[in-house]
Amino acid sequence: MKLTDRILDRMFGHPEGLLGVLGGRILARGKENTTEWVLSLIGLEPDDHVLEVGIGPGVSIQHAARSVPDGFVVGVDTSEVMLAQARDRNQQAIEAGQVTLAHESASSLPYGDDAFDAAFTINSMQVWSDKHAGARELCRVVKVDGTIAIAFTKQARAEQLAADLPDVLAELGVSRVRSEIRESDTCVIATV
C-alpha cells in the first residue's frame, strides 16, 4: 500500500491517532447534506428505533436523533477516535438516553433480530472487513417492512459496490430494493 493510501486509510477508512482526529473533523464538515438526504429517503417516524453503522464523528447520529424525538438511535463504529468525537458531539442526547454509541463491527452486531425500524450507513461499507456479513447483519436486526439505506458519496469511490448491492441484498432474500442517485451521491434503499 502506498504512503498516501496508508495516510488516507488512517484518516478516513480506519481512523486512528492524530490523523483520525483530523479525518473526523473533515468528515464532520462534509456529511450533513448527504445525511439529510439519506434520512429523508428512509422516511423515519418520530418513535422509530434507528441504527447507524460506521458513525464517523457522529454528525448523522445528531440528525437521526432529531428525526426520532420519541425514538432511539444506536451508533456503532470500530474506531475509538470516531466514537470519542461522536460522544462529544452527541453528549446531551446520550445523557437523555436517546442515543447509545458502541465499539462494534458491522459483521457482528450485538443486537437482537428485528431490533430496529431502520438502519443506515454512509461511506462506511467499502471499508468493512466482510461486506456480505455486514449486509446480512443489517437485514437481521431490521424489522420486517423496515428500511436499510446504504449510501456512498463520490469520495468513497464505491461505484462498483453500490452497483452490486441490489444483487447482494437479493441473495439475502430482500426483494424490494431501489437505488437513488443525486449529484455525486448514491443510496441503495431496501425494505426488509
Foldseek 3Di string as FASTA:
>chain_A
DDPVVVLCCCCPLAPDDPSVLVSLVVCLVPCQVVLVVQCVVQPDDQAWEEEEEACRLQNSVVVVCVRRVNYAYEYEYQHPSSVVNNCVVCVVCVVVVRYYYDNDALLDDPDAFQQGLEYEYELHLVSHPDNLSSLLSRNRNHHQQGKYKYKYFQVSVCVVVLVCVVVSVVVSVFDAWDWDDDDRMIMIMTHD
